[in-house]
Amino acid sequence: MNLRVINATLLCGPLLFAGCATTTQEQTADKPDSVVLPFESPEAPMDELDADAVFSALVGEIAAQRGDLETAYRHQLQTAVLTGDAQAAERATRIALAVKRRDLALRAVKEWVRLAPNEVPARQLAVMLFLDDNQPEKVTENIQAIMAVADSTGRDGFLLVMAALAKSRERDAGMRLMRQLAEAHPQDPRAGYATARLALGWKQNQVAEKEIRDVIGRHPKWGRAYVLLSRILVMKGDKDGALAVLEKAAARIPKDPTVNIALAKLLVDKGDYEKAYRQFLKVQRLTPEDPDIIYSLGVLAVQLDKPEVARRHFLQLRQNGEMPDQTSYYLGRLDEEKGKPDSAIGFYEQVGNGELRYEAQIRITRILAGQGRLDEARDRVRQLRFEMPEHSPQLYLAEAELMRKEVSDGEVMALYDKALAAHPDDIPILYARALFAVSIGRMDILEKDLGRVLELDPENVDALNALGYTLADQTDRYQEAAAYIKKAYALRPGEPAILDSMGWLEYRLGNHEEALGYLQQAMDKMPDSEIAAHLGEVLWVTGDRQQALKVWNRMLKKDPDSRHVRETRKRLTGN
């Protein structure tokens, strides 16, 4: 029996520490069949099992299972020495790091490197540990080894070295070493790029920006540098600057997919969906079969209300056998919006996994309810609660939403009660029941539920605002209302709903000028029918009736069925 077979079986038991899987992957990555690696591994000291090796492996495994990591470390390391098994040395290294014994980790990593000199993770940990132990010669030796292995296997050695230095506690020394490596390779842009990445990982953003700008200056047609610079500028809050960088790069190197993809994604992030769509079309011409690009085009077409264009993109993916869940979901949405409910349900039923399956199933229930099949919709929701218990609170809320227009208020409240019995103190359920309660005149339930929300989360802005607004609107307890609304305002001063509450509170207090100021701010930020109703009422009461009518009519043109505006206008004007 070969020792390595049984040893691997023993050491890949419950302890794991990510060691066995990582080593196997790295060996595969580092040792393709056609590659000659730079270092020769030592031969195993024995071919067959002996009693000491078996005993050491078993004791190490049992100790690890029992949580006795110091004993596990000793026996894993002994197994490595006796058998020449690099995995055992790796396990010993990681155990030592787990118990924060870097002295022991240093001893083990030396053995790991000796037994597996071409394994990059061993060399990376050696760099970190030797650097922290102030052994510069050993650090340099392992950095050079990483570069040699990377050259042999076609990997980016600079990024591998950067990842090793990033884990060290000696940041100044680590940055010096990274810069020395870059200076030794002035013609390779990856060196400066890795230096900038190291600084960025340590949140030294100014240093990172300087380093990457230097790379761009020396290598103006290397796209990845522009992409990293744009990321740094976005982190600084300068999205416009980042956009300018990528647009300049795309003009300079128009066939670079990395730059063009980064530009498309930044346009999406900035909300310029039309330009983003055109940019993704450009990317598609560079990489015509990339499913991620086709998918992005489909989603953007949905966002831009171009359903037939979106359908073409999703059907292309579907024909290629790519992203079946995503394409089924979006094709279902397109058919739903086109008024083809049965076809939409057919697509939604094909969504098999993940969050999209949940969303697809919820949409099916809404379609069924809209067709008058409420019982069927509710049965499906109940089944989903069984199949997806992690979504149970949201599914109770979804069922309540389906029921609100179709059944009695008592039945809806009974469902909320059942939901809270199943999920006590669930904040979204408490909040939803509170809002439903006030809609049926149960202020007692609203105060109880929102009060409980604020006990659980004293800075819950939505609960503060809802409770304060309702007290101001439906009671004369203005001081209590003010306390809640002003706290919400302090936490989120620019929120339109809170500005509306502040304005309505001032109106109820008789402070009309202050009310108009808040309500106009709210209206400017979010032209909403309830805000329009409030603003129009204050304008009407203060004598500016023409402006009040303008506000209401403008909103009714946008939303003809606005209950808030129609009720307010009729109450004040009789029409």
Protein backbone atom coordinates (compact mmCIF):
# COMPACT_ATOMS: atom_id res chain seq x y z
CA MET A 1 0.00 0.00 0.00
CA ASN A 2 1.34 3.44 -0.95
CA LEU A 3 1.78 5.71 2.05
CA ARG A 4 0.57 8.84 0.28
CA VAL A 5 -2.81 7.31 -0.48
CA ILE A 6 -3.65 6.48 3.11
CA ASN A 7 -2.10 9.68 4.41
CA ALA A 8 -4.21 11.86 2.16
CA THR A 9 -7.30 10.01 3.33
CA LEU A 10 -6.44 10.60 6.97
CA LEU A 11 -5.51 14.22 6.60
CA CYS A 12 -8.52 15.31 4.57
CA GLY A 13 -10.90 14.54 7.42
CA PRO A 14 -12.82 16.99 9.61
CA LEU A 15 -9.93 19.37 10.28
CA LEU A 16 -9.37 20.43 6.65
CA PHE A 17 -8.30 24.07 7.30
CA ALA A 18 -8.69 24.50 3.54
CA GLY A 19 -5.35 22.79 3.22
CA CYS A 20 -6.05 19.67 1.18
CA ALA A 21 -8.32 21.31 -1.36
CA THR A 22 -6.00 24.27 -1.78
CA THR A 23 -2.94 22.14 -2.22
CA THR A 24 -4.59 19.94 -4.80
CA GLN A 25 -5.76 22.95 -6.79
CA GLU A 26 -2.37 24.62 -6.63
CA GLN A 27 -0.62 21.45 -7.70
CA THR A 28 -2.91 21.26 -10.70
CA ALA A 29 -2.42 24.92 -11.50
CA ASP A 30 1.34 24.87 -10.96
CA LYS A 31 2.11 21.63 -12.77
CA PRO A 32 0.51 21.38 -16.18
CA ASP A 33 1.80 18.39 -18.12
CA SER A 34 3.80 20.49 -20.60
CA VAL A 35 5.51 22.70 -17.98
CA VAL A 36 8.97 22.20 -16.55
CA LEU A 37 9.01 23.59 -13.04
CA PRO A 38 12.09 25.34 -11.70
CA PHE A 39 12.60 23.32 -8.52
CA GLU A 40 13.04 19.59 -8.02
CA SER A 41 11.01 18.07 -5.23
CA PRO A 42 12.77 15.70 -2.81
CA GLU A 43 12.00 12.02 -2.96
CA ALA A 44 9.84 10.60 -0.21
CA PRO A 45 11.93 9.07 2.58
CA MET A 46 9.85 5.89 2.48
CA ASP A 47 7.63 4.07 0.02
CA GLU A 48 5.72 1.90 2.46
CA LEU A 49 3.95 2.54 5.74
CA ASP A 50 5.70 1.98 9.02
CA ALA A 51 4.26 2.00 12.52
CA ASP A 52 5.62 5.44 13.45
CA ALA A 53 4.13 7.09 10.38
CA VAL A 54 0.72 5.49 10.88
CA PHE A 55 0.71 6.36 14.58
CA SER A 56 1.70 9.97 13.93
CA ALA A 57 -0.95 10.46 11.25
CA LEU A 58 -3.71 8.90 13.37
CA VAL A 59 -2.82 10.84 16.52
CA GLY A 60 -2.68 14.09 14.56
CA GLU A 61 -6.08 13.46 13.04
CA ILE A 62 -7.72 12.48 16.35
CA ALA A 63 -6.20 15.51 18.09
CA ALA A 64 -7.52 17.79 15.38
CA GLN A 65 -11.02 16.32 15.71
CA ARG A 66 -10.91 16.92 19.46
CA GLY A 67 -9.70 20.50 19.08
CA ASP A 68 -6.28 19.78 20.58
CA LEU A 69 -4.47 21.80 17.94
CA GLU A 70 -1.05 21.87 19.58
CA THR A 71 -0.92 18.06 19.61
CA ALA A 72 -2.32 18.01 16.07
CA TYR A 73 0.45 20.39 14.98
CA ARG A 74 3.25 18.25 16.44
CA HIS A 75 2.01 15.07 14.81
CA GLN A 76 1.20 16.67 11.46
CA LEU A 77 4.72 18.03 11.31
CA GLN A 78 6.18 14.70 12.39
CA THR A 79 4.13 12.96 9.69
CA ALA A 80 5.57 15.36 7.13
CA VAL A 81 9.14 14.64 8.24
CA LEU A 82 8.63 10.87 8.37
CA THR A 83 6.76 10.50 5.10
CA GLY A 84 7.73 13.49 2.99
CA ASP A 85 4.07 14.45 2.68
CA ALA A 86 3.80 18.14 1.82
CA GLN A 87 0.11 18.17 2.75
CA ALA A 88 0.95 17.27 6.32
CA ALA A 89 3.46 20.12 6.43
CA GLU A 90 0.85 22.49 5.04
CA ARG A 91 -1.64 21.34 7.67
CA ALA A 92 0.90 21.90 10.41
CA THR A 93 1.59 25.42 9.10
CA ARG A 94 -2.07 26.35 9.04
CA ILE A 95 -2.71 24.88 12.48
CA ALA A 96 0.12 26.98 13.89
CA LEU A 97 -1.31 30.10 12.28
CA ALA A 98 -4.77 29.23 13.65
CA VAL A 99 -3.39 29.14 17.21
CA LYS A 100 -1.34 32.31 16.54
CA ARG A 101 2.03 30.60 16.98
CA ARG A 102 4.09 32.14 14.21
CA ASP A 103 7.26 30.58 15.54
CA LEU A 104 5.73 27.14 15.01
CA ALA A 105 4.30 28.20 11.66
CA LEU A 106 7.77 29.30 10.53
CA ARG A 107 9.21 25.91 11.40
CA ALA A 108 6.41 24.11 9.56
CA VAL A 109 6.50 26.30 6.47
CA LYS A 110 10.19 25.58 6.03
CA GLU A 111 9.32 21.89 5.85
CA TRP A 112 6.43 22.60 3.49
CA VAL A 113 8.69 24.58 1.13
CA ARG A 114 11.35 21.86 1.28
CA LEU A 115 8.86 19.15 0.37
CA ALA A 116 6.92 21.17 -2.22
CA PRO A 117 9.26 23.87 -3.55
CA ASN A 118 7.01 24.65 -6.53
CA GLU A 119 3.82 25.25 -4.53
CA VAL A 120 3.03 28.95 -4.57
CA PRO A 121 0.94 28.98 -1.33
CA ALA A 122 3.91 27.54 0.57
CA ARG A 123 6.21 30.21 -0.82
CA GLN A 124 3.67 32.96 -0.12
CA LEU A 125 3.29 31.99 3.53
CA ALA A 126 7.07 31.72 3.76
CA VAL A 127 7.42 35.31 2.49
CA MET A 128 4.95 36.57 5.09
CA LEU A 129 6.47 34.64 7.99
CA PHE A 130 10.10 35.36 7.14
CA LEU A 131 9.31 39.05 6.64
CA ASP A 132 7.60 39.26 10.01
CA ASP A 133 10.58 37.41 11.52
CA ASN A 134 13.07 39.88 9.99
CA GLN A 135 14.87 37.37 7.77
CA PRO A 136 15.30 39.44 4.58
CA GLU A 137 17.48 36.89 2.75
CA LYS A 138 14.82 34.20 3.14
CA VAL A 139 12.12 36.66 2.04
CA THR A 140 14.06 37.47 -1.12
CA GLU A 141 14.75 33.81 -1.80
CA ASN A 142 11.04 32.96 -1.66
CA ILE A 143 10.00 35.99 -3.71
CA GLN A 144 12.42 34.90 -6.42
CA ALA A 145 11.01 31.39 -6.20
CA ILE A 146 7.44 32.66 -6.65
CA MET A 147 8.53 34.62 -9.72
CA ALA A 148 10.29 31.55 -11.16
CA VAL A 149 7.27 29.28 -10.65
CA ALA A 150 4.98 31.95 -12.11
CA ASP A 151 7.17 32.31 -15.19
CA SER A 152 7.12 28.55 -15.70
CA THR A 153 3.34 28.28 -15.37
CA GLY A 154 2.27 31.45 -17.17
CA ARG A 155 0.94 33.22 -14.10
CA ASP A 156 1.37 36.79 -12.89
CA GLY A 157 4.19 36.50 -10.39
CA PHE A 158 3.93 40.14 -9.35
CA LEU A 159 0.37 39.68 -8.12
CA LEU A 160 1.36 36.46 -6.35
CA VAL A 161 4.16 38.28 -4.54
CA MET A 162 1.82 41.16 -3.77
CA ALA A 163 -0.68 38.77 -2.19
CA ALA A 164 2.07 37.36 0.03
CA LEU A 165 3.35 40.77 1.14
CA ALA A 166 -0.21 41.99 1.78
CA LYS A 167 -0.55 39.49 4.63
CA SER A 168 2.54 40.72 6.46
CA ARG A 169 2.43 42.96 9.49
CA GLU A 170 5.59 44.74 8.25
CA ARG A 171 3.94 47.09 5.77
CA ASP A 172 6.83 49.49 5.23
CA ALA A 173 9.20 46.62 4.53
CA GLY A 174 6.63 44.96 2.33
CA MET A 175 6.17 48.10 0.23
CA ARG A 176 9.95 48.49 -0.13
CA LEU A 177 10.24 44.93 -1.38
CA MET A 178 7.38 45.40 -3.84
CA ARG A 179 8.97 48.56 -5.22
CA GLN A 180 12.36 46.86 -5.51
CA LEU A 181 10.74 44.09 -7.51
CA ALA A 182 9.05 46.65 -9.76
CA GLU A 183 12.32 48.56 -10.25
CA ALA A 184 13.97 45.31 -11.33
CA HIS A 185 11.32 44.92 -14.08
CA PRO A 186 10.83 48.46 -15.45
CA GLN A 187 9.48 47.24 -18.80
CA ASP A 188 6.74 45.09 -17.28
CA PRO A 189 3.61 47.13 -16.39
CA ARG A 190 2.35 44.32 -14.16
CA ALA A 191 5.04 45.20 -11.61
CA GLY A 192 3.82 48.74 -10.97
CA TYR A 193 0.23 47.54 -11.14
CA ALA A 194 0.90 45.04 -8.34
CA THR A 195 2.57 47.78 -6.29
CA ALA A 196 -0.51 49.97 -6.65
CA ARG A 197 -2.73 47.02 -5.73
CA LEU A 198 -0.67 46.44 -2.58
CA ALA A 199 -1.10 50.07 -1.52
CA LEU A 200 -4.80 49.96 -2.30
CA GLY A 201 -5.24 46.82 -0.21
CA TRP A 202 -3.72 48.70 2.72
CA LYS A 203 -6.08 51.66 2.04
CA GLN A 204 -3.13 53.86 1.04
CA ASN A 205 -5.20 55.33 -1.78
CA GLN A 206 -2.96 58.28 -2.56
CA VAL A 207 0.07 56.03 -2.85
CA ALA A 208 -1.90 53.63 -5.04
CA GLU A 209 -3.02 56.47 -7.31
CA LYS A 210 0.54 57.76 -7.73
CA GLU A 211 1.87 54.28 -8.50
CA ILE A 212 -0.76 53.51 -11.12
CA ARG A 213 -0.44 56.92 -12.76
CA ASP A 214 3.29 56.20 -13.09
CA VAL A 215 2.42 52.92 -14.81
CA ILE A 216 0.11 54.74 -17.25
CA GLY A 217 2.84 57.27 -17.96
CA ARG A 218 5.31 54.51 -18.88
CA HIS A 219 2.80 52.16 -20.53
CA PRO A 220 0.00 54.31 -22.01
CA LYS A 221 -1.56 51.42 -23.94
CA TRP A 222 -1.89 48.96 -21.05
CA GLY A 223 -5.58 48.85 -20.25
CA ARG A 224 -5.60 47.32 -16.78
CA ALA A 225 -3.82 50.36 -15.37
CA TYR A 226 -6.63 52.67 -16.47
CA VAL A 227 -9.20 50.34 -14.96
CA LEU A 228 -7.41 50.35 -11.60
CA LEU A 229 -7.06 54.14 -11.68
CA SER A 230 -10.80 54.44 -12.33
CA ARG A 231 -11.51 52.20 -9.32
CA ILE A 232 -9.34 54.37 -7.11
CA LEU A 233 -11.11 57.53 -8.27
CA VAL A 234 -14.52 55.93 -7.64
CA MET A 235 -13.38 55.07 -4.11
CA LYS A 236 -12.49 58.75 -3.66
CA GLY A 237 -16.01 59.71 -4.76
CA ASP A 238 -14.85 61.08 -8.12
CA LYS A 239 -17.01 59.10 -10.55
CA ASP A 240 -16.77 61.83 -13.17
CA GLY A 241 -12.98 61.65 -13.02
CA ALA A 242 -13.11 57.86 -13.28
CA LEU A 243 -15.38 58.12 -16.30
CA ALA A 244 -13.02 60.57 -17.99
CA VAL A 245 -10.10 58.20 -17.40
CA LEU A 246 -11.91 55.26 -18.98
CA GLU A 247 -13.25 57.28 -21.90
CA LYS A 248 -9.72 58.49 -22.66
CA ALA A 249 -8.43 54.92 -22.38
CA ALA A 250 -11.16 53.56 -24.66
CA ALA A 251 -10.26 56.17 -27.26
CA ARG A 252 -6.57 55.36 -26.97
CA ILE A 253 -6.92 51.57 -26.98
CA PRO A 254 -10.35 50.97 -28.56
CA LYS A 255 -9.97 47.22 -28.91
CA ASP A 256 -9.11 46.54 -25.27
CA PRO A 257 -12.06 44.54 -23.82
CA THR A 258 -11.02 45.18 -20.20
CA VAL A 259 -11.20 48.95 -20.58
CA ASN A 260 -14.43 48.87 -22.55
CA ILE A 261 -16.15 46.57 -20.08
CA ALA A 262 -15.05 48.77 -17.15
CA LEU A 263 -16.41 51.82 -18.96
CA ALA A 264 -19.75 50.10 -19.62
CA LYS A 265 -20.09 49.06 -15.97
CA LEU A 266 -19.25 52.56 -14.71
CA LEU A 267 -21.90 54.04 -16.99
CA VAL A 268 -24.40 51.62 -15.45
CA ASP A 269 -23.25 52.65 -11.98
CA LYS A 270 -23.81 56.30 -12.89
CA GLY A 271 -27.31 55.50 -14.16
CA ASP A 272 -26.60 56.42 -17.78
CA TYR A 273 -28.24 53.29 -19.15
CA GLU A 274 -28.52 54.48 -22.75
CA LYS A 275 -24.78 55.14 -23.05
CA ALA A 276 -24.05 51.96 -21.10
CA TYR A 277 -26.12 49.95 -23.58
CA ARG A 278 -24.23 51.42 -26.52
CA GLN A 279 -20.95 50.72 -24.76
CA PHE A 280 -21.88 47.08 -24.13
CA LEU A 281 -22.73 46.78 -27.83
CA LYS A 282 -19.18 47.91 -28.55
CA VAL A 283 -17.87 45.31 -26.11
CA GLN A 284 -19.99 42.65 -27.80
CA ARG A 285 -18.29 43.39 -31.10
CA LEU A 286 -14.97 42.68 -29.37
CA THR A 287 -16.19 39.51 -27.61
CA PRO A 288 -19.28 38.39 -29.56
CA GLU A 289 -19.93 35.13 -27.69
CA ASP A 290 -19.43 36.37 -24.12
CA PRO A 291 -22.67 35.41 -22.30
CA ASP A 292 -22.16 38.00 -19.56
CA ILE A 293 -22.09 40.79 -22.13
CA ILE A 294 -25.22 39.52 -23.90
CA TYR A 295 -26.97 39.23 -20.54
CA SER A 296 -25.97 42.78 -19.59
CA LEU A 297 -27.39 44.02 -22.89
CA GLY A 298 -30.66 42.23 -22.18
CA VAL A 299 -31.00 43.66 -18.68
CA LEU A 300 -30.17 47.17 -19.89
CA ALA A 301 -32.73 46.86 -22.68
CA VAL A 302 -35.34 45.98 -20.03
CA GLN A 303 -34.24 49.03 -18.01
CA LEU A 304 -34.57 51.20 -21.13
CA ASP A 305 -38.06 49.84 -21.87
CA LYS A 306 -36.99 48.16 -25.10
CA PRO A 307 -38.78 44.84 -24.66
CA GLU A 308 -38.28 43.43 -28.14
CA VAL A 309 -34.58 44.27 -28.09
CA ALA A 310 -34.27 42.65 -24.67
CA ARG A 311 -36.10 39.57 -25.91
CA ARG A 312 -33.61 39.15 -28.75
CA HIS A 313 -30.68 39.21 -26.35
CA PHE A 314 -32.24 36.72 -23.95
CA LEU A 315 -33.29 34.40 -26.77
CA GLN A 316 -29.74 34.47 -28.11
CA LEU A 317 -28.48 33.33 -24.71
CA ARG A 318 -31.19 30.69 -24.54
CA GLN A 319 -30.32 29.33 -27.98
CA ASN A 320 -26.67 29.10 -26.90
CA GLY A 321 -27.69 27.15 -23.78
CA GLU A 322 -26.39 29.93 -21.51
CA MET A 323 -27.90 31.22 -18.25
CA PRO A 324 -31.21 29.28 -18.42
CA ASP A 325 -32.54 30.59 -15.10
CA GLN A 326 -31.78 34.23 -15.87
CA THR A 327 -33.20 34.08 -19.39
CA SER A 328 -36.36 32.30 -18.25
CA TYR A 329 -36.92 34.92 -15.56
CA TYR A 330 -36.52 37.90 -17.86
CA LEU A 331 -38.49 36.35 -20.71
CA GLY A 332 -41.24 35.77 -18.16
CA ARG A 333 -41.12 39.40 -17.09
CA LEU A 334 -41.28 40.59 -20.68
CA ASP A 335 -44.34 38.43 -21.37
CA GLU A 336 -45.96 39.51 -18.11
CA GLU A 337 -45.53 43.18 -19.02
CA LYS A 338 -46.84 42.45 -22.53
CA GLY A 339 -50.07 41.08 -21.06
CA LYS A 340 -49.35 37.41 -21.75
CA PRO A 341 -49.77 35.93 -18.26
CA ASP A 342 -49.89 32.25 -19.19
CA SER A 343 -46.71 32.49 -21.25
CA ALA A 344 -45.06 34.42 -18.43
CA ILE A 345 -45.97 31.72 -15.92
CA GLY A 346 -44.50 29.11 -18.29
CA PHE A 347 -41.17 30.92 -18.33
CA TYR A 348 -41.20 31.60 -14.57
CA GLU A 349 -41.77 27.91 -13.87
CA GLN A 350 -38.50 27.14 -15.68
CA VAL A 351 -36.44 29.21 -13.22
CA GLY A 352 -34.87 26.47 -11.17
CA ASN A 353 -32.42 27.91 -8.66
CA GLY A 354 -31.39 30.77 -6.43
CA GLU A 355 -32.92 34.13 -5.71
CA LEU A 356 -34.39 34.39 -9.18
CA ARG A 357 -36.52 31.32 -8.50
CA TYR A 358 -37.97 33.05 -5.45
CA GLU A 359 -38.68 36.20 -7.47
CA ALA A 360 -40.20 34.16 -10.29
CA GLN A 361 -42.50 32.28 -7.93
CA ILE A 362 -43.65 35.51 -6.26
CA ARG A 363 -44.49 36.92 -9.67
CA ILE A 364 -46.51 33.81 -10.46
CA THR A 365 -48.58 34.32 -7.32
CA ARG A 366 -49.30 37.92 -8.31
CA ILE A 367 -50.39 36.85 -11.78
CA LEU A 368 -52.67 34.19 -10.33
CA ALA A 369 -54.21 36.66 -7.88
CA GLY A 370 -54.71 39.15 -10.71
CA GLN A 371 -56.61 36.47 -12.63
CA GLY A 372 -58.95 35.99 -9.69
CA ARG A 373 -57.23 32.77 -8.60
CA LEU A 374 -56.44 33.97 -5.07
CA ASP A 375 -56.80 30.57 -3.41
CA GLU A 376 -54.38 29.04 -5.90
CA ALA A 377 -51.94 31.91 -5.35
CA ARG A 378 -52.12 31.50 -1.57
CA ASP A 379 -51.63 27.75 -1.82
CA ARG A 380 -48.48 28.38 -3.84
CA VAL A 381 -47.18 30.86 -1.25
CA ARG A 382 -47.76 28.34 1.55
CA GLN A 383 -45.90 25.68 -0.44
CA LEU A 384 -43.03 28.10 -0.97
CA ARG A 385 -42.82 28.68 2.78
CA PHE A 386 -42.26 24.96 3.15
CA GLU A 387 -39.73 24.78 0.30
CA MET A 388 -37.88 28.01 1.13
CA PRO A 389 -38.01 28.47 4.90
CA GLU A 390 -35.31 31.14 4.70
CA HIS A 391 -37.85 33.33 2.87
CA SER A 392 -40.74 32.62 5.23
CA PRO A 393 -41.09 36.20 6.61
CA GLN A 394 -41.09 37.73 3.12
CA LEU A 395 -43.61 35.13 1.96
CA TYR A 396 -46.01 36.03 4.78
CA LEU A 397 -45.75 39.65 3.66
CA ALA A 398 -46.31 38.65 0.03
CA GLU A 399 -49.42 36.67 0.98
CA ALA A 400 -50.79 39.59 2.97
CA GLU A 401 -50.27 41.88 -0.01
CA LEU A 402 -52.20 39.46 -2.24
CA MET A 403 -55.07 39.36 0.24
CA ARG A 404 -55.49 43.05 1.04
CA LYS A 405 -57.85 43.90 -1.81
CA GLU A 406 -59.65 40.57 -1.91
CA VAL A 407 -60.58 39.55 1.64
CA SER A 408 -61.78 41.17 4.83
CA ASP A 409 -59.52 43.33 6.99
CA GLY A 410 -59.93 40.79 9.77
CA GLU A 411 -58.53 37.98 7.62
CA VAL A 412 -55.52 40.10 6.66
CA MET A 413 -54.87 41.02 10.28
CA ALA A 414 -55.18 37.35 11.24
CA LEU A 415 -52.46 36.51 8.72
CA TYR A 416 -50.17 39.20 10.15
CA ASP A 417 -50.81 37.74 13.62
CA LYS A 418 -49.88 34.29 12.33
CA ALA A 419 -46.74 35.69 10.72
CA LEU A 420 -45.61 37.27 13.97
CA ALA A 421 -46.37 34.08 15.86
CA ALA A 422 -44.04 32.25 13.46
CA HIS A 423 -41.44 35.05 13.44
CA PRO A 424 -41.65 37.02 16.71
CA ASP A 425 -40.05 40.46 16.59
CA ASP A 426 -39.46 40.34 12.84
CA ILE A 427 -39.09 44.03 12.03
CA PRO A 428 -40.47 44.01 8.46
CA ILE A 429 -43.58 42.10 9.63
CA LEU A 430 -44.10 44.45 12.59
CA TYR A 431 -43.72 47.44 10.31
CA ALA A 432 -46.11 46.05 7.68
CA ARG A 433 -48.76 45.17 10.28
CA ALA A 434 -48.45 48.67 11.75
CA LEU A 435 -49.08 50.35 8.41
CA PHE A 436 -52.01 48.05 7.70
CA ALA A 437 -53.41 48.72 11.16
CA VAL A 438 -53.45 52.50 10.67
CA SER A 439 -55.19 52.04 7.31
CA ILE A 440 -58.12 50.41 9.13
CA GLY A 441 -58.12 52.85 12.02
CA ARG A 442 -56.25 50.74 14.58
CA MET A 443 -53.86 53.34 16.01
CA ASP A 444 -53.36 51.12 19.06
CA ILE A 445 -51.76 48.38 16.96
CA LEU A 446 -49.65 50.89 15.02
CA GLU A 447 -48.23 52.39 18.22
CA LYS A 448 -47.61 48.96 19.73
CA ASP A 449 -45.87 47.54 16.67
CA LEU A 450 -43.78 50.57 15.79
CA GLY A 451 -42.92 50.98 19.46
CA ARG A 452 -41.61 47.42 19.45
CA VAL A 453 -39.62 48.09 16.28
CA LEU A 454 -37.97 51.04 18.00
CA GLU A 455 -37.20 48.93 21.07
CA LEU A 456 -35.41 46.48 18.79
CA ASP A 457 -33.82 49.14 16.59
CA PRO A 458 -33.93 52.64 18.16
CA GLU A 459 -32.58 54.27 14.99
CA ASN A 460 -34.99 52.64 12.56
CA VAL A 461 -35.68 55.70 10.42
CA ASP A 462 -38.76 54.28 8.68
CA ALA A 463 -40.43 53.44 11.99
CA LEU A 464 -39.54 56.83 13.50
CA ASN A 465 -40.95 58.65 10.50
CA ALA A 466 -44.10 56.51 10.18
CA LEU A 467 -44.95 56.79 13.87
CA GLY A 468 -44.23 60.52 14.00
CA TYR A 469 -46.18 61.30 10.84
CA THR A 470 -49.21 59.27 11.92
CA LEU A 471 -49.30 60.95 15.33
CA ALA A 472 -49.08 64.37 13.66
CA ASP A 473 -51.72 63.52 11.06
CA GLN A 474 -54.30 61.68 13.16
CA THR A 475 -53.86 63.00 16.71
CA ASP A 476 -53.01 66.22 18.49
CA ARG A 477 -49.98 64.67 20.22
CA TYR A 478 -47.67 66.99 18.34
CA GLN A 479 -44.79 67.00 20.81
CA GLU A 480 -44.50 63.22 20.64
CA ALA A 481 -44.77 63.36 16.86
CA ALA A 482 -42.05 66.01 16.69
CA ALA A 483 -39.66 63.90 18.77
CA TYR A 484 -39.94 60.97 16.38
CA ILE A 485 -39.87 62.98 13.15
CA LYS A 486 -36.96 65.18 14.20
CA LYS A 487 -34.91 62.14 15.17
CA ALA A 488 -35.62 60.61 11.76
CA TYR A 489 -34.67 63.92 10.13
CA ALA A 490 -31.38 64.05 12.04
CA LEU A 491 -30.53 60.52 10.89
CA ARG A 492 -31.53 61.04 7.25
CA PRO A 493 -32.04 64.75 6.55
CA GLY A 494 -32.41 64.58 2.77
CA GLU A 495 -35.07 61.85 2.65
CA PRO A 496 -38.17 63.17 0.79
CA ALA A 497 -40.61 61.20 2.97
CA ILE A 498 -39.08 62.71 6.11
CA LEU A 499 -39.09 66.22 4.64
CA ASP A 500 -42.80 65.65 3.91
CA SER A 501 -43.38 64.62 7.52
CA MET A 502 -41.49 67.66 8.80
CA GLY A 503 -43.61 69.88 6.57
CA TRP A 504 -46.86 68.24 7.60
CA LEU A 505 -45.94 68.54 11.28
CA GLU A 506 -45.22 72.26 10.87
CA TYR A 507 -48.52 72.68 9.05
CA ARG A 508 -50.41 70.97 11.85
CA LEU A 509 -48.62 73.26 14.31
CA GLY A 510 -49.72 76.29 12.28
CA ASN A 511 -46.22 77.17 11.04
CA HIS A 512 -47.14 77.59 7.38
CA GLU A 513 -43.96 79.18 6.07
CA GLU A 514 -41.81 76.47 7.61
CA ALA A 515 -44.22 73.85 6.26
CA LEU A 516 -43.94 75.20 2.71
CA GLY A 517 -40.15 75.13 2.89
CA TYR A 518 -40.00 71.46 3.85
CA LEU A 519 -42.77 70.38 1.47
CA GLN A 520 -41.26 72.17 -1.52
CA GLN A 521 -37.91 70.48 -0.81
CA ALA A 522 -39.65 67.12 -0.64
CA MET A 523 -41.52 67.78 -3.89
CA ASP A 524 -38.34 68.84 -5.68
CA LYS A 525 -36.59 65.65 -4.62
CA MET A 526 -39.47 63.24 -5.28
CA PRO A 527 -42.64 64.36 -7.11
CA ASP A 528 -44.99 62.06 -5.21
CA SER A 529 -48.79 62.23 -5.06
CA GLU A 530 -49.00 62.38 -1.25
CA ILE A 531 -46.37 65.12 -1.10
CA ALA A 532 -48.23 67.00 -3.85
CA ALA A 533 -51.47 66.71 -1.85
CA HIS A 534 -49.77 68.13 1.23
CA LEU A 535 -47.98 70.95 -0.62
CA GLY A 536 -51.17 71.90 -2.46
CA GLU A 537 -53.15 72.00 0.79
CA VAL A 538 -50.70 74.33 2.51
CA LEU A 539 -50.61 76.59 -0.57
CA TRP A 540 -54.42 76.65 -0.66
CA VAL A 541 -54.75 77.45 3.03
CA THR A 542 -52.17 80.26 2.80
CA GLY A 543 -54.07 81.86 -0.10
CA ASP A 544 -51.95 80.82 -3.06
CA ARG A 545 -54.76 78.87 -4.63
CA GLN A 546 -53.64 79.12 -8.25
CA GLN A 547 -50.31 77.55 -7.35
CA ALA A 548 -52.10 74.86 -5.33
CA LEU A 549 -54.21 73.95 -8.35
CA LYS A 550 -51.08 73.86 -10.54
CA VAL A 551 -49.40 71.43 -8.14
CA TRP A 552 -52.44 69.17 -8.01
CA ASN A 553 -53.14 69.26 -11.76
CA ARG A 554 -49.51 68.56 -12.61
CA MET A 555 -49.60 65.50 -10.38
CA LEU A 556 -52.95 64.31 -11.76
CA LYS A 557 -51.55 64.56 -15.27
CA LYS A 558 -48.75 62.27 -14.18
CA ASP A 559 -50.94 60.02 -11.99
CA PRO A 560 -54.64 60.42 -12.89
CA ASP A 561 -55.75 57.95 -10.22
CA SER A 562 -53.97 59.69 -7.33
CA ARG A 563 -56.27 59.14 -4.36
CA HIS A 564 -54.34 61.57 -2.14
CA VAL A 565 -54.60 64.50 -4.56
CA ARG A 566 -58.23 63.85 -5.54
CA GLU A 567 -59.43 63.56 -1.94
CA THR A 568 -57.52 66.67 -0.84
CA ARG A 569 -58.71 68.76 -3.77
CA LYS A 570 -62.33 67.69 -3.30
CA ARG A 571 -62.20 68.39 0.44
CA LEU A 572 -60.83 71.89 -0.09
CA THR A 573 -62.49 72.95 -3.36
CA GLY A 574 -65.61 70.80 -3.53
CA ASN A 575 -64.51 69.51 -6.97
